């Protein structure tokens, strides 16, 4: 089936003001291979009573297919990268150590050199990348994760509010994205400190295969509607509230003004400038969380706009944000149903997030890549 999301005049989100874009954007249709409820039906049909799991044929990327890049010029990167390699068991030959400038954005020359090193170092069996740093998170107006995964898009910088090239990873299930699609999805191991990054890694590992089992308490996917009309555009994608006891999760729809206590959250999406007190949310290991705003990908903070990294430092395990003004094209942000469906099917945080963004040129993916709470 296909879904069409049309913004006749997308809006700038900068500084909380609504500013109309200069020109209309043509409708874009998404060909969705599996929507949330198709995925749910498939999971229900595949469940077995003998194992206590909702079984599926879908597997996931593992440390055997993951490359790790460490910036030797950055003490954070060295400490976090070494810890990650040890905890996840990344094979030594899949670890690239290189020296990069520690700054928000790389120039094209330095980025091209990095990309060449990655191509030369990583063997053909390496299907995805973990980048052990906070900065650089951008290459000019592109995110560094998108530039390494799909290639740098120079045209984006002439008008960051325009549509960008579609991702060949969008809503695609592939255990071999590099082999089959020529793309290695990548994610930053970004956090506020080395200690917080180690806690993030530990949460990702603790998450593996812990949800969707019979006898485990229900876990919540929470979708929040806000009064911020420009940032709330994604709410049309939110799935309806419902409980799926056989699969161990429920979908919670709520308004931002709702103060009812949440429980056992594994996914949280909203659209607003800043989330107050995200650390009060009862995060489960492996939780995904993001908010639709312009500069969530500016990881060290951008004035009054909350950084995506704040979700991780509050207890989530993976997130996403844009590094340059995207306007409020929903295609530039994680699609709620695709993200949830892929995670429920046993994908890693890396795979689920990359599968959910149709136009990811400006978006940076951050967190513990291999976290997979619904894996079997």
Protein backbone atom coordinates (compact mmCIF):
# COMPACT_ATOMS: atom_id res chain seq x y z
CA UNK A 1 0.00 0.00 0.00
CA UNK A 2 1.08 3.63 -0.23
CA UNK A 3 0.60 6.58 2.02
CA UNK A 4 0.80 10.20 0.86
CA UNK A 5 1.89 13.02 3.12
CA UNK A 6 1.44 16.43 1.56
CA UNK A 7 2.61 19.75 2.98
CA UNK A 8 1.51 22.47 0.62
CA UNK A 9 3.78 24.91 2.39
CA UNK A 10 6.11 23.33 4.94
CA UNK A 11 6.93 25.49 7.93
CA UNK A 12 10.21 26.53 9.44
CA UNK A 13 10.51 25.54 13.07
CA UNK A 14 13.28 27.91 14.16
CA UNK A 15 12.92 29.60 17.54
CA UNK A 16 9.34 28.51 17.93
CA UNK A 17 8.06 30.78 15.15
CA UNK A 18 6.09 29.56 12.16
CA UNK A 19 7.51 30.80 8.87
CA UNK A 20 6.07 29.59 5.60
CA UNK A 21 8.50 28.06 3.13
CA UNK A 22 8.98 29.89 -0.14
CA UNK A 23 7.45 27.31 -2.41
CA UNK A 24 5.02 24.40 -2.26
CA UNK A 25 6.36 20.88 -2.13
CA UNK A 26 4.94 18.22 -4.40
CA UNK A 27 3.17 15.24 -2.84
CA UNK A 28 5.42 12.32 -1.98
CA UNK A 29 4.07 8.79 -1.76
CA UNK A 30 5.58 6.17 0.51
CA UNK A 31 5.40 2.57 -0.56
CA UNK A 32 5.01 0.86 2.80
CA UNK A 33 6.05 -2.77 2.73
CA UNK A 34 4.45 -3.45 6.11
CA UNK A 35 2.37 -1.21 8.28
CA UNK A 36 2.16 -1.62 12.02
CA UNK A 37 -0.95 -3.74 12.06
CA UNK A 38 0.24 -6.08 9.32
CA UNK A 39 3.31 -6.59 11.49
CA UNK A 40 1.17 -7.25 14.55
CA UNK A 41 -0.91 -9.85 12.72
CA UNK A 42 2.25 -11.52 11.46
CA UNK A 43 3.67 -11.67 14.94
CA UNK A 44 0.46 -13.10 16.37
CA UNK A 45 0.30 -15.81 13.73
CA UNK A 46 3.94 -16.70 14.31
CA UNK A 47 3.72 -17.02 18.12
CA UNK A 48 4.31 -20.38 19.71
CA UNK A 49 3.32 -21.69 23.10
CA UNK A 50 6.39 -23.87 23.49
CA UNK A 51 8.99 -21.09 23.66
CA UNK A 52 7.01 -18.38 25.42
CA UNK A 53 8.00 -15.93 22.67
CA UNK A 54 6.16 -14.37 19.77
CA UNK A 55 8.37 -15.95 17.11
CA UNK A 56 9.16 -14.36 13.76
CA UNK A 57 11.47 -15.25 10.91
CA UNK A 58 13.06 -11.79 11.09
CA UNK A 59 16.52 -11.67 12.63
CA UNK A 60 18.87 -8.73 13.16
CA UNK A 61 22.34 -7.33 12.69
CA UNK A 62 24.88 -8.40 15.31
CA UNK A 63 28.40 -7.49 16.39
CA UNK A 64 29.73 -9.79 13.68
CA UNK A 65 28.41 -7.39 11.03
CA UNK A 66 29.13 -4.11 12.84
CA UNK A 67 32.13 -1.89 12.19
CA UNK A 68 33.32 0.55 14.87
CA UNK A 69 35.08 3.86 14.19
CA UNK A 70 37.12 5.52 16.97
CA UNK A 71 38.55 9.05 16.82
CA UNK A 72 42.02 8.87 18.40
CA UNK A 73 42.07 12.68 18.74
CA UNK A 74 39.09 12.56 21.12
CA UNK A 75 39.53 11.05 24.62
CA UNK A 76 35.76 10.46 24.86
CA UNK A 77 35.83 8.49 21.62
CA UNK A 78 38.76 6.32 22.70
CA UNK A 79 37.23 5.51 26.10
CA UNK A 80 33.72 4.86 24.77
CA UNK A 81 34.91 3.02 21.67
CA UNK A 82 37.15 0.67 23.64
CA UNK A 83 34.37 -0.01 26.14
CA UNK A 84 31.87 -0.71 23.36
CA UNK A 85 34.23 -3.04 21.50
CA UNK A 86 34.80 -5.02 24.68
CA UNK A 87 31.15 -5.13 25.83
CA UNK A 88 29.66 -6.01 22.45
CA UNK A 89 32.56 -8.19 21.29
CA UNK A 90 33.34 -6.25 18.12
CA UNK A 91 36.08 -8.16 16.22
CA UNK A 92 39.36 -6.18 16.33
CA UNK A 93 39.68 -6.17 12.54
CA UNK A 94 36.35 -4.31 12.37
CA UNK A 95 37.61 -1.42 14.50
CA UNK A 96 38.98 1.59 12.61
CA UNK A 97 41.09 4.08 14.57
CA UNK A 98 41.57 7.42 12.89
CA UNK A 99 42.17 11.06 13.84
CA UNK A 100 39.41 13.59 13.19
CA UNK A 101 38.80 17.19 14.16
CA UNK A 102 36.64 17.34 17.28
CA UNK A 103 34.07 19.91 16.17
CA UNK A 104 30.40 20.03 15.31
CA UNK A 105 30.78 19.80 11.53
CA UNK A 106 33.40 18.36 9.21
CA UNK A 107 34.37 20.03 5.96
CA UNK A 108 34.07 18.10 2.73
CA UNK A 109 37.78 17.33 2.38
CA UNK A 110 38.09 15.84 5.87
CA UNK A 111 34.84 13.93 5.45
CA UNK A 112 35.93 12.45 2.11
CA UNK A 113 39.13 11.22 3.74
CA UNK A 114 37.13 9.57 6.54
CA UNK A 115 34.72 7.94 4.11
CA UNK A 116 37.64 6.56 2.09
CA UNK A 117 39.23 5.12 5.21
CA UNK A 118 35.99 3.41 6.14
CA UNK A 119 35.62 1.89 2.67
CA UNK A 120 39.19 0.62 2.69
CA UNK A 121 39.21 -0.72 6.25
CA UNK A 122 35.83 -2.41 6.56
CA UNK A 123 35.50 -5.78 4.91
CA UNK A 124 32.54 -6.66 2.68
CA UNK A 125 30.88 -8.54 5.55
CA UNK A 126 30.59 -5.32 7.61
CA UNK A 127 27.01 -4.17 7.09
CA UNK A 128 26.66 -1.24 9.55
CA UNK A 129 28.71 1.24 11.58
CA UNK A 130 28.95 2.54 15.13
CA UNK A 131 30.73 5.89 15.46
CA UNK A 132 32.15 6.41 18.95
CA UNK A 133 31.84 10.16 19.41
CA UNK A 134 29.51 13.11 19.93
CA UNK A 135 31.24 15.52 17.54
CA UNK A 136 31.40 15.74 14.59
CA UNK A 137 27.69 15.10 14.09
CA UNK A 138 27.42 16.98 10.78
CA UNK A 139 29.11 17.40 7.41
CA UNK A 140 28.21 20.92 6.39
CA UNK A 141 24.36 20.79 6.45
CA UNK A 142 24.17 16.98 6.21
CA UNK A 143 24.33 14.70 9.23
CA UNK A 144 27.49 12.61 9.48
CA UNK A 145 25.49 9.39 9.81
CA UNK A 146 23.60 10.08 6.59
CA UNK A 147 26.70 11.22 4.72
CA UNK A 148 28.59 8.04 5.65
CA UNK A 149 25.61 5.79 4.98
CA UNK A 150 24.12 7.22 1.78
CA UNK A 151 26.70 9.75 0.60
CA UNK A 152 27.02 13.50 1.08
CA UNK A 153 24.25 15.52 -0.63
CA UNK A 154 25.70 18.92 -1.54
CA UNK A 155 22.42 20.14 -3.01
CA UNK A 156 20.76 20.10 0.40
CA UNK A 157 22.80 23.07 1.57
CA UNK A 158 21.38 25.39 -1.08
CA UNK A 159 17.91 25.01 0.45
CA UNK A 160 17.70 22.88 3.58
CA UNK A 161 13.91 23.23 3.60
CA UNK A 162 13.53 21.42 0.28
CA UNK A 163 12.89 17.69 -0.11
CA UNK A 164 16.04 15.56 -0.07
CA UNK A 165 16.92 12.32 -1.81
CA UNK A 166 14.86 9.33 -0.69
CA UNK A 167 16.63 6.68 1.36
CA UNK A 168 17.04 3.24 -0.13
CA UNK A 169 16.82 1.92 3.44
CA UNK A 170 13.35 3.32 4.11
CA UNK A 171 11.02 0.55 5.31
CA UNK A 172 13.36 -2.09 3.92
CA UNK A 173 14.18 -5.26 5.81
CA UNK A 174 17.69 -6.40 4.97
CA UNK A 175 20.25 -8.25 7.03
CA UNK A 176 22.89 -7.24 4.49
CA UNK A 177 22.27 -3.56 3.62
CA UNK A 178 25.86 -3.01 2.44
CA UNK A 179 25.85 -6.13 0.27
CA UNK A 180 22.35 -5.69 -1.10
CA UNK A 181 21.88 -1.91 -1.12
CA UNK A 182 25.37 -0.41 -0.97
CA UNK A 183 24.61 1.36 2.32
CA UNK A 184 26.00 0.84 5.82
CA UNK A 185 23.52 2.37 8.29
CA UNK A 186 25.44 4.21 11.00
CA UNK A 187 24.78 5.56 14.48
CA UNK A 188 26.69 7.76 16.92
CA UNK A 189 27.48 6.45 20.39
CA UNK A 190 26.75 9.92 21.72
CA UNK A 191 26.21 10.91 25.32
CA UNK A 192 26.98 13.74 27.72
CA UNK A 193 30.01 12.05 29.30
CA UNK A 194 32.02 8.85 29.18
CA UNK A 195 30.17 7.60 32.25
CA UNK A 196 26.78 8.28 30.65
CA UNK A 197 27.91 6.64 27.41
CA UNK A 198 28.93 3.49 29.28
CA UNK A 199 25.52 3.44 30.98
CA UNK A 200 23.91 3.82 27.53
CA UNK A 201 25.88 0.84 26.21
CA UNK A 202 24.95 -1.23 29.25
CA UNK A 203 21.25 -0.39 28.71
CA UNK A 204 21.45 -1.51 25.12
CA UNK A 205 22.97 -4.83 26.09
CA UNK A 206 20.50 -5.30 28.94
CA UNK A 207 17.62 -4.76 26.48
CA UNK A 208 18.37 -7.69 24.21
CA UNK A 209 15.54 -10.24 23.94
CA UNK A 210 13.77 -8.97 27.05
CA UNK A 211 10.37 -7.90 25.67
CA UNK A 212 7.53 -9.67 23.90
CA UNK A 213 7.84 -12.74 26.13
CA UNK A 214 4.87 -14.30 27.81
CA UNK A 215 4.83 -13.54 31.49
CA UNK A 216 6.73 -10.28 31.15
CA UNK A 217 4.80 -7.13 32.20
CA UNK A 218 3.34 -5.00 29.42
CA UNK A 219 5.59 -2.40 27.80
CA UNK A 220 4.27 0.91 26.47
CA UNK A 221 4.74 2.72 23.16
CA UNK A 222 3.70 6.32 23.89
CA UNK A 223 2.64 8.86 21.26
CA UNK A 224 2.05 12.41 22.47
CA UNK A 225 -0.02 15.08 20.73
CA UNK A 226 0.95 18.68 21.43
CA UNK A 227 -0.54 22.13 20.80
CA UNK A 228 2.54 23.09 18.75
CA UNK A 229 0.92 22.96 15.29
CA UNK A 230 4.18 23.03 13.33
CA UNK A 231 5.85 20.28 15.36
CA UNK A 232 2.72 18.18 15.85
CA UNK A 233 2.36 17.30 12.14
CA UNK A 234 3.57 13.75 12.71
CA UNK A 235 0.61 12.94 14.95
CA UNK A 236 -1.37 11.88 11.86
CA UNK A 237 0.96 8.86 11.69
CA UNK A 238 0.35 7.76 15.26
CA UNK A 239 -1.31 4.34 15.51
CA UNK A 240 -4.58 4.07 17.46
CA UNK A 241 -4.42 3.22 21.14
CA UNK A 242 -4.77 -0.47 21.79
CA UNK A 243 -3.45 -3.24 24.01
CA UNK A 244 -1.84 -6.41 22.62
CA UNK A 245 -1.41 -8.64 25.70
CA UNK A 246 -0.27 -11.64 23.68
CA UNK A 247 2.71 -9.63 22.44
CA UNK A 248 3.38 -7.86 25.71
CA UNK A 249 2.88 -4.24 24.67
CA UNK A 250 0.30 -1.52 24.38
CA UNK A 251 -0.01 1.69 22.39
CA UNK A 252 -0.71 4.76 24.52
CA UNK A 253 -2.06 7.93 22.90
CA UNK A 254 -2.07 11.01 25.11
CA UNK A 255 -2.12 14.78 25.10
CA UNK A 256 0.91 16.74 26.29
CA UNK A 257 -1.16 18.14 29.16
CA UNK A 258 -1.90 14.64 30.49
CA UNK A 259 0.01 14.10 33.73
CA UNK A 260 -1.04 10.49 34.28
CA UNK A 261 1.98 8.43 35.33
CA UNK A 262 3.50 6.31 32.59
CA UNK A 263 4.82 2.78 33.06
CA UNK A 264 7.54 0.73 31.33
CA UNK A 265 8.11 2.89 28.25
CA UNK A 266 10.00 1.41 25.28
CA UNK A 267 9.07 4.05 22.68
CA UNK A 268 8.15 7.72 23.08
CA UNK A 269 7.42 10.22 20.30
CA UNK A 270 6.24 13.80 20.42
CA UNK A 271 6.55 17.09 18.58
CA UNK A 272 7.69 20.11 20.55
CA UNK A 273 10.55 22.51 21.19
CA UNK A 274 11.67 20.92 24.42
CA UNK A 275 10.56 18.05 26.63
CA UNK A 276 10.45 18.91 30.30
CA UNK A 277 11.95 16.38 32.73
CA UNK A 278 12.47 13.41 30.36
CA UNK A 279 14.34 11.63 33.16
CA UNK A 280 11.04 11.17 35.01
CA UNK A 281 9.77 8.81 32.31
CA UNK A 282 10.14 5.14 33.38
CA UNK A 283 12.39 4.04 30.50
CA UNK A 284 12.95 0.39 29.74
CA UNK A 285 16.38 -0.69 28.50
CA UNK A 286 16.37 -0.29 24.73
CA UNK A 287 13.81 2.56 24.71
CA UNK A 288 13.58 4.76 21.61
CA UNK A 289 12.61 8.43 22.00
CA UNK A 290 12.55 11.47 19.73
CA UNK A 291 10.83 14.81 19.24
CA UNK A 292 10.07 16.62 15.99
CA UNK A 293 11.85 19.99 15.97
CA UNK A 294 14.43 21.72 13.79
CA UNK A 295 17.69 21.29 15.68
CA UNK A 296 17.42 18.16 17.81
CA UNK A 297 20.52 16.90 15.99
CA UNK A 298 22.64 19.79 17.24
CA UNK A 299 23.90 17.54 19.98
CA UNK A 300 25.58 20.09 22.21
CA UNK A 301 22.37 22.14 22.26
CA UNK A 302 20.81 24.87 20.14
CA UNK A 303 19.41 27.63 22.32
CA UNK A 304 15.88 26.80 23.41
CA UNK A 305 15.62 23.58 21.34
CA UNK A 306 16.26 20.31 23.13
CA UNK A 307 19.02 18.07 21.84
CA UNK A 308 18.25 14.47 20.91
CA UNK A 309 21.13 13.54 23.21
CA UNK A 310 19.06 14.72 26.17
CA UNK A 311 16.79 11.70 25.63
CA UNK A 312 19.77 9.38 25.99
CA UNK A 313 21.14 11.12 29.05
CA UNK A 314 17.64 10.82 30.58
CA UNK A 315 17.57 7.05 30.14
CA UNK A 316 16.47 6.28 26.57
CA UNK A 317 18.74 4.10 24.40
CA UNK A 318 18.43 5.61 20.90
CA UNK A 319 17.15 8.82 19.33
CA UNK A 320 17.18 11.02 16.23
CA UNK A 321 17.34 14.71 15.37
CA UNK A 322 18.11 17.02 12.45
CA UNK A 323 21.31 19.06 12.22
CA UNK A 324 20.05 21.81 9.90
CA UNK A 325 16.67 23.50 9.36
CA UNK A 326 14.49 20.80 7.76
CA UNK A 327 11.10 22.54 7.87
CA UNK A 328 8.39 20.23 9.12
CA UNK A 329 8.43 17.63 6.35
CA UNK A 330 7.32 14.46 8.10
CA UNK A 331 9.51 12.51 5.66
CA UNK A 332 12.58 13.96 7.39
CA UNK A 333 11.62 12.42 10.75
CA UNK A 334 10.98 8.87 11.98
CA UNK A 335 7.67 7.47 10.75
CA UNK A 336 5.82 6.35 13.87
CA UNK A 337 4.23 3.17 12.55
CA UNK A 338 7.30 2.00 10.62
CA UNK A 339 9.56 2.57 13.62
CA UNK A 340 7.27 0.67 15.96
CA UNK A 341 6.64 -2.17 13.51
CA UNK A 342 10.32 -2.77 12.80
CA UNK A 343 11.22 -2.75 16.48
CA UNK A 344 8.42 -5.19 17.30
CA UNK A 345 9.69 -7.49 14.55
CA UNK A 346 13.02 -7.86 16.36
CA UNK A 347 15.15 -5.27 14.57
CA UNK A 348 17.93 -3.46 16.35
CA UNK A 349 17.59 0.22 17.28
CA UNK A 350 19.89 1.01 14.34
CA UNK A 351 17.78 -0.92 11.84
CA UNK A 352 14.43 0.28 13.17
CA UNK A 353 15.40 3.95 13.15
CA UNK A 354 17.07 3.86 9.73
CA UNK A 355 14.09 2.00 8.28
CA UNK A 356 11.72 4.71 9.53
CA UNK A 357 13.12 7.86 7.87
CA UNK A 358 12.36 8.47 4.20
CA UNK A 359 14.56 11.58 3.73
CA UNK A 360 17.41 11.24 6.25
CA UNK A 361 20.06 13.56 4.75
CA UNK A 362 19.81 16.06 7.62
CA UNK A 363 19.08 13.59 10.41
CA UNK A 364 21.63 12.17 12.84
CA UNK A 365 20.98 8.76 14.41
CA UNK A 366 22.34 8.34 17.94
CA UNK A 367 22.35 5.65 20.60
CA UNK A 368 23.39 2.03 21.13
CA UNK A 369 23.01 0.49 17.68
CA UNK A 370 22.50 -3.18 18.57
CA UNK A 371 19.82 -2.85 21.25
CA UNK A 372 17.04 -5.27 20.31
CA UNK A 373 14.48 -5.89 23.07
CA UNK A 374 12.05 -7.78 20.83
CA UNK A 375 14.70 -9.95 19.15
CA UNK A 376 14.44 -13.72 19.24
